[in-house]
Amino acid sequence: MRIKLFLVAVMVLSVGVIPESYAAAKSGGKCTKIGSTATAANKTFTCIKSGKKLVWNKGVALSKTINQSSTPVSSQTSVTDKFKASGCHARVSAYLQIFEANVWKDLIVADGWETVSSCPSTNPGVPYVNTTLKVGDEIRWRLFAPGAWEWFSDSEKIGSKFIPATTCQLVGQDGNPSMNVGFPKRVNRLKSNGVINAVVVPVDFSDVPGTRSPSTEYSEMTQGMDTFYKAISGGRVSFKFTILDKYIRVPSKSDHYGLGKWSGGDAGGYMNELISASDSTVDFSKYDVAYFLSPKSIPSSSIAYGPAFVTDLKTQDGVLRNASFSGADAYQNFPGAGWKWISHETGHLFGLHDLYTVDPQPATYGSWDLMSNNWSTAAIEINAWNRYIQGWLDDNQINCLDKSKSANETITLDPIARINKLTKAIVVKISDSKIVVIESRRSEGFDVLSSSQAGTLVYTVDMKIGSIKGGWETQRRPGSSAKDFTDAALKAGDKIVVEGITIEVISQTTEGDKVKVTF
């Protein structure tokens, strides 16, 4: 994977049917899998054994609305802070710029350069300024060698300074201005609440023409993603898709940009041509996100992968901040491949990291999240920490503990796929940059897990480590050895020690996982 002006993300997944946990149900009605759940009539029902039959229980009432996680911010109209550029740079001329009256202006020269240990010796530092900016100001960095070259960072709007609501709301510290492994959510990403307006721009080529109607070609993909994120967010977010009824012909042939190798070629150049070709047809100012989708017959030798773009893209209608285009990886031959690909890329557009690693770095997290392995036919639900930083879990659904204080607590965790207001995770703050997360994963919702896979998942998250760098680490149960960590989840009776924290699973029943945490 390479990070250029865009984020390349290239996984796909499986399981194309709507899970039983989202089917209609009523108390006493027949169900088929013990422990599965369903939401109906403003209640969440659980499948239980009654005599020799499997039936839905009486259900637990849901609140009429599910509000966004509370993440208080100060009410100031300006922010005084140390504003740093992203990336690694040589010590050249550097200015913080501000966008005023539709023009970028130099605002202030860098106060100095901060040396970053992870940067190479040729580009060892990051420029910074200590200054005050108004909430709503749009800024970027300008770095240049006079008379030779200049570079501009992505723009960023100043928001109110983030104030954690709990001790576990750690701030992301990997320097990524577009995505975040912690808090707060990046301001230019897709909103986590409400309706997201999305446009599908069907594109084809003289050598790969579109033959089916776009609505037929892409409706399963778009509807599947909408269903997925409605469920994952607990009904907080949904998508309204506009699919253009005709293909827009790309002037170049399908292999022109050399995208036939994984994360290779000129993806940025191709995206610019897609926008240029469609700009007169599409009013991009009406949409929060645009998906440029090629015919399903696109050969991998022409476009192998489809990345997410989490950078500003210029259109005739203004800036398009969130976009993606498809490649052959979106149209693999198994159920649900399309909606799983687009859901993964859209995860980046919400601001989520990739959780996998690339060779030669060994895997650290494994197949436990859509953002790690969307080829998985097993665990595909988005995990508790990713839901929390998106505001899809409330503060009171996270049992927050602090390693600096002693604890001896037994807590029942509700399985992550069940849509309700119960406790979904234990988060232990190890330091200002690292946490341990404990959650329950069952064969429910979008997860399809065998008895050997299901269990209590334990993982650490490092706020200082960037996307695909191994910052997420799944902790193994005794005897676990699978490279993709599919056998790592703890069973009843298991006990492990992580970062000096003893984690013991007391029981696993239809009511959830009872976990004892001691430190």
Protein backbone atom coordinates (compact mmCIF):
# COMPACT_ATOMS: atom_id res chain seq x y z
CA MET A 1 0.00 0.00 0.00
CA ARG A 2 1.21 3.51 -0.77
CA ILE A 3 -0.07 6.78 0.55
CA LYS A 4 -0.05 9.46 -2.14
CA LEU A 5 -2.72 12.16 -2.44
CA PHE A 6 -5.23 9.51 -1.58
CA LEU A 7 -5.60 6.48 0.61
CA VAL A 8 -5.36 3.14 -1.17
CA ALA A 9 -7.54 0.54 0.49
CA VAL A 10 -8.09 -2.74 -1.25
CA MET A 11 -9.93 -5.38 0.73
CA VAL A 12 -13.17 -7.19 -0.06
CA LEU A 13 -15.44 -9.49 1.97
CA SER A 14 -18.34 -11.95 1.90
CA VAL A 15 -21.77 -12.87 3.38
CA GLY A 16 -24.42 -11.41 1.10
CA VAL A 17 -27.68 -12.08 2.96
CA ILE A 18 -29.36 -9.95 5.57
CA PRO A 19 -28.59 -11.61 8.93
CA GLU A 20 -31.32 -13.08 11.08
CA SER A 21 -30.55 -10.49 13.74
CA TYR A 22 -32.16 -7.83 11.53
CA ALA A 23 -35.23 -9.85 10.51
CA ALA A 24 -38.72 -9.30 11.93
CA ALA A 25 -39.47 -10.97 15.26
CA LYS A 26 -42.10 -11.14 18.00
CA SER A 27 -42.21 -12.56 21.49
CA GLY A 28 -42.77 -16.33 21.41
CA GLY A 29 -42.23 -16.53 17.66
CA LYS A 30 -40.01 -19.20 16.14
CA CYS A 31 -36.29 -18.46 15.66
CA THR A 32 -33.49 -20.62 14.34
CA LYS A 33 -30.23 -19.84 16.17
CA ILE A 34 -29.90 -19.56 19.95
CA GLY A 35 -28.36 -16.26 21.03
CA SER A 36 -29.17 -14.44 17.78
CA THR A 37 -31.03 -11.14 18.02
CA ALA A 38 -33.60 -9.20 16.03
CA THR A 39 -34.99 -5.69 16.27
CA ALA A 40 -38.72 -5.04 15.77
CA ALA A 41 -41.45 -2.86 17.27
CA ASN A 42 -38.80 -0.76 19.05
CA LYS A 43 -37.47 -3.81 20.92
CA THR A 44 -34.43 -6.09 20.63
CA PHE A 45 -35.41 -9.79 20.86
CA THR A 46 -33.01 -12.64 21.69
CA CYS A 47 -33.45 -16.23 20.53
CA ILE A 48 -33.70 -18.54 23.58
CA LYS A 49 -34.51 -22.19 24.24
CA SER A 50 -37.96 -22.81 25.70
CA GLY A 51 -38.51 -26.51 26.34
CA LYS A 52 -37.48 -28.17 23.09
CA LYS A 53 -38.18 -25.10 20.94
CA LEU A 54 -36.17 -22.01 19.96
CA VAL A 55 -38.28 -18.87 20.38
CA TRP A 56 -37.84 -15.10 20.66
CA ASN A 57 -37.85 -13.82 24.27
CA LYS A 58 -39.96 -10.90 25.55
CA GLY A 59 -37.47 -8.38 24.17
CA VAL A 60 -35.76 -5.33 25.59
CA ALA A 61 -37.21 -1.92 24.75
CA LEU A 62 -35.04 0.47 22.78
CA SER A 63 -35.09 4.18 23.37
CA LYS A 64 -37.05 6.02 20.67
CA THR A 65 -33.91 7.71 19.43
CA ILE A 66 -30.25 6.88 19.77
CA ASN A 67 -28.16 9.98 20.29
CA GLN A 68 -24.59 10.63 19.25
CA SER A 69 -21.91 9.86 21.81
CA SER A 70 -21.31 12.87 24.02
CA THR A 71 -17.91 14.38 23.34
CA PRO A 72 -18.04 17.82 24.95
CA VAL A 73 -15.99 20.60 23.42
CA SER A 74 -15.32 24.01 24.77
CA SER A 75 -17.51 26.84 23.54
CA GLN A 76 -14.60 29.14 22.64
CA THR A 77 -14.65 31.01 19.35
CA SER A 78 -10.88 30.75 18.92
CA VAL A 79 -8.20 28.13 19.56
CA THR A 80 -4.64 28.75 20.69
CA ASP A 81 -2.53 25.73 19.87
CA LYS A 82 0.62 24.31 18.31
CA PHE A 83 -0.31 23.76 14.67
CA LYS A 84 1.94 21.28 12.87
CA ALA A 85 2.26 20.15 9.27
CA SER A 86 1.80 16.48 8.40
CA GLY A 87 4.50 14.22 7.04
CA CYS A 88 8.29 14.41 7.18
CA HIS A 89 10.16 17.34 5.65
CA ALA A 90 13.58 18.88 5.21
CA ARG A 91 14.13 22.24 6.86
CA VAL A 92 13.04 24.60 4.09
CA SER A 93 10.82 27.70 3.99
CA ALA A 94 7.47 27.03 5.66
CA TYR A 95 4.35 29.16 6.11
CA LEU A 96 0.96 28.44 7.62
CA GLN A 97 -1.62 29.72 5.12
CA ILE A 98 -5.24 30.80 5.61
CA PHE A 99 -8.09 30.78 3.09
CA GLU A 100 -9.75 34.22 2.97
CA ALA A 101 -11.88 35.86 0.25
CA ASN A 102 -11.43 32.75 -1.93
CA VAL A 103 -7.65 33.16 -1.89
CA TRP A 104 -4.89 31.34 0.02
CA LYS A 105 -2.68 33.82 1.90
CA ASP A 106 0.52 33.34 3.87
CA LEU A 107 -0.47 33.84 7.51
CA ILE A 108 2.65 33.22 9.58
CA VAL A 109 6.13 31.78 9.10
CA ALA A 110 6.97 28.62 11.04
CA ASP A 111 8.18 29.21 14.59
CA GLY A 112 10.50 26.23 14.28
CA TRP A 113 10.89 22.57 13.35
CA GLU A 114 10.01 19.60 15.53
CA THR A 115 12.30 16.60 15.07
CA VAL A 116 10.34 13.36 14.62
CA SER A 117 12.11 10.10 15.49
CA SER A 118 10.18 8.10 12.88
CA CYS A 119 11.20 10.47 10.04
CA PRO A 120 14.25 9.74 7.83
CA SER A 121 17.47 11.71 8.29
CA THR A 122 16.93 13.42 4.93
CA ASN A 123 13.53 14.78 6.04
CA PRO A 124 13.75 14.80 9.82
CA GLY A 125 11.28 17.42 10.92
CA VAL A 126 7.83 18.95 10.98
CA PRO A 127 7.31 22.75 10.96
CA TYR A 128 5.01 24.26 13.57
CA VAL A 129 3.56 27.55 14.75
CA ASN A 130 2.12 28.50 18.10
CA THR A 131 -0.74 30.85 17.32
CA THR A 132 -4.42 31.63 17.79
CA LEU A 133 -6.97 30.88 15.08
CA LYS A 134 -10.72 31.38 14.92
CA VAL A 135 -13.02 28.38 14.97
CA GLY A 136 -14.03 27.87 11.32
CA ASP A 137 -10.75 29.19 9.83
CA GLU A 138 -9.47 27.06 6.95
CA ILE A 139 -5.72 26.55 6.97
CA ARG A 140 -2.97 24.61 5.18
CA TRP A 141 0.83 24.48 5.12
CA ARG A 142 3.02 25.84 2.34
CA LEU A 143 6.55 24.39 2.19
CA PHE A 144 8.95 25.53 -0.50
CA ALA A 145 12.52 25.99 -1.65
CA PRO A 146 12.59 29.53 -3.10
CA GLY A 147 12.67 29.46 -6.87
CA ALA A 148 12.70 25.66 -6.99
CA TRP A 149 9.54 23.94 -5.76
CA GLU A 150 6.64 24.26 -3.36
CA TRP A 151 4.26 21.81 -1.63
CA PHE A 152 0.84 22.39 -0.05
CA SER A 153 -0.80 20.21 2.58
CA ASP A 154 -4.47 19.30 2.57
CA SER A 155 -6.65 22.05 4.01
CA GLU A 156 -8.22 21.73 7.45
CA LYS A 157 -10.94 23.72 9.21
CA ILE A 158 -10.34 24.73 12.80
CA GLY A 159 -12.88 23.23 15.18
CA SER A 160 -13.38 23.82 18.88
CA LYS A 161 -10.61 22.25 20.94
CA PHE A 162 -11.51 18.70 21.87
CA ILE A 163 -12.16 18.00 25.55
CA PRO A 164 -12.41 14.29 26.41
CA ALA A 165 -15.68 13.26 28.05
CA THR A 166 -13.97 10.30 29.76
CA THR A 167 -10.40 9.33 30.58
CA CYS A 168 -10.54 6.69 27.82
CA GLN A 169 -11.17 9.15 24.98
CA LEU A 170 -7.54 9.29 23.89
CA VAL A 171 -6.47 11.72 21.20
CA GLY A 172 -5.04 10.27 17.99
CA GLN A 173 -1.31 11.05 17.82
CA ASP A 174 -0.06 9.61 14.52
CA GLY A 175 -0.09 12.97 12.71
CA ASN A 176 -2.69 11.93 10.14
CA PRO A 177 -4.84 14.99 9.31
CA SER A 178 -7.42 12.98 7.31
CA MET A 179 -8.13 9.92 9.46
CA ASN A 180 -7.94 9.20 13.17
CA VAL A 181 -7.32 6.14 15.31
CA GLY A 182 -8.58 8.06 18.34
CA PHE A 183 -10.48 11.26 19.09
CA PRO A 184 -11.64 13.67 17.74
CA LYS A 185 -13.19 12.73 14.41
CA ARG A 186 -11.62 14.57 11.48
CA VAL A 187 -13.83 17.47 10.38
CA ASN A 188 -13.63 16.83 6.62
CA ARG A 189 -14.83 13.23 6.81
CA LEU A 190 -18.35 11.92 6.32
CA LYS A 191 -20.69 12.78 9.16
CA SER A 192 -21.54 10.00 11.61
CA ASN A 193 -25.17 11.02 12.10
CA GLY A 194 -28.01 11.69 9.68
CA VAL A 195 -28.46 11.11 5.96
CA ILE A 196 -25.39 11.16 3.70
CA ASN A 197 -26.07 12.23 0.12
CA ALA A 198 -24.04 10.08 -2.26
CA VAL A 199 -23.75 10.08 -6.04
CA VAL A 200 -22.75 7.08 -8.14
CA VAL A 201 -21.09 8.16 -11.38
CA PRO A 202 -21.02 5.17 -13.78
CA VAL A 203 -17.93 5.36 -16.01
CA ASP A 204 -16.83 3.20 -18.92
CA PHE A 205 -14.15 3.06 -21.61
CA SER A 206 -13.96 2.44 -25.31
CA ASP A 207 -12.24 -0.87 -24.55
CA VAL A 208 -14.54 -1.74 -21.59
CA PRO A 209 -18.02 -0.37 -22.39
CA GLY A 210 -20.87 -0.52 -19.92
CA THR A 211 -23.65 -2.78 -21.16
CA ARG A 212 -26.07 -3.15 -18.24
CA SER A 213 -28.13 -0.28 -16.85
CA PRO A 214 -26.26 1.45 -14.01
CA SER A 215 -29.14 1.00 -11.56
CA THR A 216 -29.05 -2.75 -12.23
CA GLU A 217 -25.26 -2.85 -12.07
CA TYR A 218 -24.83 -0.99 -8.78
CA SER A 219 -28.05 -1.12 -6.74
CA GLU A 220 -27.11 -4.29 -4.82
CA MET A 221 -23.78 -2.73 -3.89
CA THR A 222 -25.26 0.56 -2.68
CA GLN A 223 -28.24 -0.96 -0.89
CA GLY A 224 -25.99 -3.45 0.85
CA MET A 225 -23.73 -0.71 2.16
CA ASP A 226 -26.68 1.34 3.40
CA THR A 227 -28.01 -1.70 5.27
CA PHE A 228 -24.59 -2.38 6.77
CA TYR A 229 -23.96 1.12 8.11
CA LYS A 230 -27.50 1.55 9.39
CA ALA A 231 -26.98 -1.58 11.48
CA ILE A 232 -23.40 -0.83 12.57
CA SER A 233 -24.29 2.73 13.61
CA GLY A 234 -27.41 1.64 15.48
CA GLY A 235 -29.60 3.61 13.08
CA ARG A 236 -27.63 6.83 13.45
CA VAL A 237 -26.49 7.13 9.82
CA SER A 238 -27.88 6.18 6.41
CA PHE A 239 -27.11 6.82 2.75
CA LYS A 240 -29.28 8.37 0.05
CA PHE A 241 -27.86 7.30 -3.32
CA THR A 242 -28.33 9.00 -6.67
CA ILE A 243 -27.20 6.67 -9.47
CA LEU A 244 -26.77 8.39 -12.83
CA ASP A 245 -28.75 6.59 -15.52
CA LYS A 246 -26.03 6.71 -18.20
CA TYR A 247 -22.33 5.85 -18.30
CA ILE A 248 -19.85 8.66 -18.72
CA ARG A 249 -17.13 7.69 -21.19
CA VAL A 250 -13.58 8.17 -19.92
CA PRO A 251 -11.42 9.61 -22.73
CA SER A 252 -8.45 7.34 -21.93
CA LYS A 253 -8.43 3.58 -22.28
CA SER A 254 -8.90 1.52 -19.13
CA ASP A 255 -5.19 0.67 -18.73
CA HIS A 256 -3.89 4.18 -19.38
CA TYR A 257 -2.94 4.98 -15.78
CA GLY A 258 -1.12 1.73 -15.01
CA LEU A 259 -3.48 0.69 -12.24
CA GLY A 260 -3.24 -3.03 -13.02
CA LYS A 261 -0.88 -3.71 -10.10
CA TRP A 262 -1.89 -3.59 -6.45
CA SER A 263 -1.60 0.04 -5.25
CA GLY A 264 0.48 0.95 -8.32
CA GLY A 265 0.02 3.45 -11.13
CA ASP A 266 -1.30 6.99 -11.13
CA ALA A 267 -4.56 6.79 -9.17
CA GLY A 268 -4.58 10.54 -8.61
CA GLY A 269 -4.33 11.24 -12.33
CA TYR A 270 -7.16 8.83 -13.04
CA MET A 271 -9.37 10.47 -10.42
CA ASN A 272 -8.72 13.89 -11.93
CA GLU A 273 -9.77 12.57 -15.35
CA LEU A 274 -12.95 11.08 -13.84
CA ILE A 275 -13.89 14.44 -12.36
CA SER A 276 -13.05 16.29 -15.57
CA ALA A 277 -15.17 13.89 -17.63
CA SER A 278 -18.21 14.16 -15.34
CA ASP A 279 -17.99 17.77 -14.10
CA SER A 280 -20.40 19.16 -16.67
CA THR A 281 -22.96 16.45 -15.86
CA VAL A 282 -22.77 16.26 -12.06
CA ASP A 283 -23.26 19.11 -9.59
CA PHE A 284 -20.86 17.83 -6.94
CA SER A 285 -21.90 20.55 -4.49
CA LYS A 286 -25.10 18.55 -3.87
CA TYR A 287 -23.28 15.50 -2.55
CA ASP A 288 -21.22 14.52 0.49
CA VAL A 289 -19.43 11.75 -1.38
CA ALA A 290 -18.95 10.53 -4.95
CA TYR A 291 -18.30 6.98 -6.14
CA PHE A 292 -16.94 6.56 -9.69
CA LEU A 293 -17.81 2.98 -10.61
CA SER A 294 -16.54 1.13 -13.67
CA PRO A 295 -18.39 -1.77 -15.33
CA LYS A 296 -18.15 -5.09 -13.51
CA SER A 297 -16.31 -6.43 -16.55
CA ILE A 298 -13.28 -4.22 -15.82
CA PRO A 299 -10.19 -6.49 -16.04
CA SER A 300 -7.76 -6.59 -13.13
CA SER A 301 -4.95 -5.93 -15.61
CA SER A 302 -6.49 -2.49 -16.28
CA ILE A 303 -7.66 -1.42 -12.79
CA ALA A 304 -6.89 -3.90 -10.04
CA TYR A 305 -7.98 -1.91 -7.00
CA GLY A 306 -10.29 0.89 -5.91
CA PRO A 307 -8.94 3.40 -3.37
CA ALA A 308 -10.62 5.90 -1.08
CA PHE A 309 -9.66 9.57 -1.51
CA VAL A 310 -9.54 11.46 1.79
CA THR A 311 -8.14 14.64 0.28
CA ASP A 312 -9.60 17.75 -1.34
CA LEU A 313 -10.52 17.24 -5.00
CA LYS A 314 -11.25 20.30 -7.12
CA THR A 315 -14.45 20.39 -9.19
CA GLN A 316 -16.30 23.17 -11.02
CA ASP A 317 -18.77 23.17 -8.13
CA GLY A 318 -16.19 23.50 -5.35
CA VAL A 319 -14.21 21.03 -3.28
CA LEU A 320 -15.15 17.35 -3.17
CA ARG A 321 -13.70 15.99 0.07
CA ASN A 322 -14.72 12.32 -0.06
CA ALA A 323 -14.58 10.06 -3.11
CA SER A 324 -13.62 6.62 -4.38
CA PHE A 325 -13.36 4.75 -7.66
CA SER A 326 -13.78 1.03 -8.24
CA GLY A 327 -11.50 -1.59 -9.72
CA ALA A 328 -11.75 -5.32 -10.28
CA ASP A 329 -11.43 -5.96 -6.53
CA ALA A 330 -14.97 -4.60 -6.11
CA TYR A 331 -16.49 -7.24 -8.36
CA GLN A 332 -15.05 -10.53 -7.18
CA ASN A 333 -17.11 -13.67 -7.61
CA PHE A 334 -18.65 -14.31 -4.22
CA PRO A 335 -21.84 -13.07 -2.55
CA GLY A 336 -21.69 -9.51 -1.27
CA ALA A 337 -18.29 -8.66 -2.75
CA GLY A 338 -19.53 -5.29 -4.05
CA TRP A 339 -21.17 -3.90 -0.94
CA LYS A 340 -18.31 -5.15 1.22
CA TRP A 341 -15.72 -3.41 -0.94
CA ILE A 342 -17.60 -0.11 -0.98
CA SER A 343 -18.28 -0.35 2.77
CA HIS A 344 -14.55 -0.75 3.47
CA GLU A 345 -13.60 2.24 1.34
CA THR A 346 -16.40 4.26 2.92
CA GLY A 347 -14.96 3.36 6.32
CA HIS A 348 -11.92 5.44 5.32
CA LEU A 349 -14.23 8.25 4.25
CA PHE A 350 -15.66 8.18 7.78
CA GLY A 351 -12.05 8.54 8.95
CA LEU A 352 -11.16 4.96 9.94
CA HIS A 353 -7.70 3.43 9.56
CA ASP A 354 -6.75 0.22 7.81
CA LEU A 355 -6.11 -2.35 10.56
CA TYR A 356 -4.13 -4.81 8.46
CA THR A 357 -0.39 -4.75 7.79
CA VAL A 358 1.51 -5.36 4.56
CA ASP A 359 4.50 -7.61 3.91
CA PRO A 360 7.05 -7.98 5.30
CA GLN A 361 5.43 -6.75 8.53
CA PRO A 362 3.52 -9.60 10.17
CA ALA A 363 -0.19 -9.32 10.94
CA THR A 364 -1.01 -7.95 14.38
CA TYR A 365 -4.81 -7.64 14.42
CA GLY A 366 -6.16 -10.27 12.05
CA SER A 367 -9.62 -10.79 10.61
CA TRP A 368 -11.81 -9.06 13.20
CA ASP A 369 -13.09 -5.93 11.46
CA LEU A 370 -14.28 -4.74 8.06
CA MET A 371 -11.32 -2.33 8.10
CA SER A 372 -8.87 -5.19 8.56
CA ASN A 373 -10.04 -7.89 6.19
CA ASN A 374 -13.11 -7.41 4.06
CA TRP A 375 -12.32 -10.69 2.35
CA SER A 376 -13.32 -12.41 5.56
CA THR A 377 -16.31 -14.72 5.50
CA ALA A 378 -16.36 -14.73 9.30
CA ALA A 379 -15.88 -11.63 11.49
CA ILE A 380 -16.93 -8.52 9.55
CA GLU A 381 -18.66 -6.29 12.11
CA ILE A 382 -16.88 -3.03 12.91
CA ASN A 383 -15.27 -3.35 16.33
CA ALA A 384 -16.19 -1.47 19.50
CA TRP A 385 -13.36 1.10 19.44
CA ASN A 386 -14.03 2.08 15.82
CA ARG A 387 -17.73 2.46 16.63
CA TYR A 388 -16.94 4.55 19.67
CA ILE A 389 -14.66 7.04 17.89
CA GLN A 390 -17.42 7.47 15.28
CA GLY A 391 -20.04 8.19 17.94
CA TRP A 392 -21.90 4.96 17.18
CA LEU A 393 -21.58 3.85 20.80
CA ASP A 394 -22.48 6.13 23.69
CA ASP A 395 -20.08 6.89 26.55
CA ASN A 396 -22.19 4.80 28.95
CA GLN A 397 -21.78 1.76 26.67
CA ILE A 398 -18.01 1.83 27.26
CA ASN A 399 -16.89 0.74 30.75
CA CYS A 400 -13.82 2.94 31.12
CA LEU A 401 -11.04 1.95 33.56
CA ASP A 402 -7.69 3.63 34.25
CA LYS A 403 -4.54 1.52 34.72
CA SER A 404 -3.11 4.18 37.05
CA LYS A 405 -5.77 3.19 39.59
CA SER A 406 -6.35 -0.29 41.00
CA ALA A 407 -9.40 -2.26 39.83
CA ASN A 408 -11.07 -5.59 40.55
CA GLU A 409 -14.30 -5.57 38.57
CA THR A 410 -16.59 -8.14 36.97
CA ILE A 411 -18.50 -6.72 33.99
CA THR A 412 -21.00 -8.29 31.59
CA LEU A 413 -20.44 -7.38 27.94
CA ASP A 414 -23.32 -7.47 25.49
CA PRO A 415 -22.31 -8.92 22.08
CA ILE A 416 -21.24 -6.14 19.73
CA ALA A 417 -23.77 -6.96 16.98
CA ARG A 418 -26.85 -6.44 19.16
CA ILE A 419 -28.47 -3.06 18.68
CA ASN A 420 -29.32 -1.77 22.16
CA LYS A 421 -28.02 0.49 24.93
CA LEU A 422 -26.14 -2.14 26.96
CA THR A 423 -22.41 -2.22 27.77
CA LYS A 424 -20.45 -3.13 24.63
CA ALA A 425 -16.81 -2.87 25.69
CA ILE A 426 -14.35 -2.50 28.52
CA VAL A 427 -11.63 0.00 27.70
CA VAL A 428 -8.60 0.26 29.98
CA LYS A 429 -6.39 3.32 29.59
CA ILE A 430 -2.80 2.08 29.84
CA SER A 431 -1.18 5.45 29.09
CA ASP A 432 -2.01 8.70 27.31
CA SER A 433 -1.42 6.90 24.00
CA LYS A 434 -2.50 3.28 24.49
CA ILE A 435 -5.60 1.32 25.51
CA VAL A 436 -6.79 -2.26 25.96
CA VAL A 437 -10.25 -3.05 24.54
CA ILE A 438 -12.39 -6.07 25.50
CA GLU A 439 -15.58 -6.92 23.58
CA SER A 440 -17.90 -9.87 22.88
CA ARG A 441 -18.04 -11.38 19.39
CA ARG A 442 -20.72 -13.95 18.55
CA SER A 443 -22.12 -15.44 15.37
CA GLU A 444 -24.67 -12.65 15.15
CA GLY A 445 -25.36 -9.66 12.97
CA PHE A 446 -22.88 -9.66 10.08
CA ASP A 447 -20.41 -11.94 11.89
CA VAL A 448 -20.58 -15.60 10.86
CA LEU A 449 -18.41 -17.38 13.44
CA SER A 450 -17.84 -21.01 14.31
CA SER A 451 -17.80 -22.05 17.96
CA SER A 452 -14.00 -22.03 17.84
CA GLN A 453 -13.94 -18.46 16.55
CA ALA A 454 -16.60 -16.77 18.72
CA GLY A 455 -15.58 -15.44 22.10
CA THR A 456 -14.27 -12.47 24.06
CA LEU A 457 -11.97 -10.43 21.84
CA VAL A 458 -9.10 -8.54 23.49
CA TYR A 459 -6.88 -6.08 21.61
CA THR A 460 -4.65 -3.07 22.22
CA VAL A 461 -4.67 0.19 20.23
CA ASP A 462 -1.69 2.55 20.05
CA MET A 463 -2.65 6.16 19.23
CA LYS A 464 0.85 6.95 17.94
CA ILE A 465 0.98 4.31 15.20
CA GLY A 466 -0.49 5.09 11.79
CA SER A 467 -2.70 3.14 9.41
CA ILE A 468 -1.33 -0.30 8.30
CA LYS A 469 1.64 0.01 10.68
CA GLY A 470 0.50 -2.52 13.30
CA GLY A 471 -0.94 -0.20 15.92
CA TRP A 472 -3.80 -2.64 16.61
CA GLU A 473 -2.76 -5.91 18.30
CA THR A 474 -5.11 -8.79 19.04
CA GLN A 475 -4.23 -10.68 22.24
CA ARG A 476 -4.32 -14.46 21.93
CA ARG A 477 -6.04 -16.97 24.19
CA PRO A 478 -3.86 -19.88 25.39
CA GLY A 479 -3.14 -22.19 22.44
CA SER A 480 -4.07 -19.69 19.72
CA SER A 481 -1.81 -19.91 16.68
CA ALA A 482 -3.78 -18.89 13.55
CA LYS A 483 -1.93 -16.25 11.51
CA ASP A 484 -5.12 -14.25 11.04
CA PHE A 485 -5.99 -14.51 14.77
CA THR A 486 -9.32 -16.20 14.01
CA ASP A 487 -8.80 -18.51 17.03
CA ALA A 488 -7.64 -15.75 19.38
CA ALA A 489 -10.91 -14.83 21.13
CA LEU A 490 -11.11 -16.00 24.75
CA LYS A 491 -13.47 -18.75 25.93
CA ALA A 492 -15.12 -19.20 29.31
CA GLY A 493 -12.42 -20.09 31.83
CA ASP A 494 -9.58 -18.43 29.87
CA LYS A 495 -7.29 -16.01 31.68
CA ILE A 496 -4.58 -13.83 30.12
CA VAL A 497 -2.41 -10.92 31.27
CA VAL A 498 -2.09 -7.89 28.96
CA GLU A 499 0.05 -4.87 29.91
CA GLY A 500 -0.14 -5.93 33.56
CA ILE A 501 -3.94 -6.32 33.38
CA THR A 502 -5.42 -9.72 34.25
CA ILE A 503 -8.43 -10.55 32.08
CA GLU A 504 -10.51 -13.62 32.98
CA VAL A 505 -13.68 -14.79 31.22
CA ILE A 506 -16.02 -16.08 33.93
CA SER A 507 -18.87 -17.18 31.66
CA GLN A 508 -20.37 -16.80 28.18
CA THR A 509 -24.16 -17.13 27.99
CA THR A 510 -27.00 -15.80 25.88
CA GLU A 511 -26.94 -12.76 28.17
CA GLY A 512 -23.36 -11.88 27.25
CA ASP A 513 -19.75 -12.38 28.37
CA LYS A 514 -18.99 -12.00 32.09
CA VAL A 515 -15.41 -10.74 32.33
CA LYS A 516 -13.26 -10.08 35.39
CA VAL A 517 -10.61 -7.36 35.08
CA THR A 518 -7.93 -6.98 37.76
CA PHE A 519 -4.91 -4.69 38.07
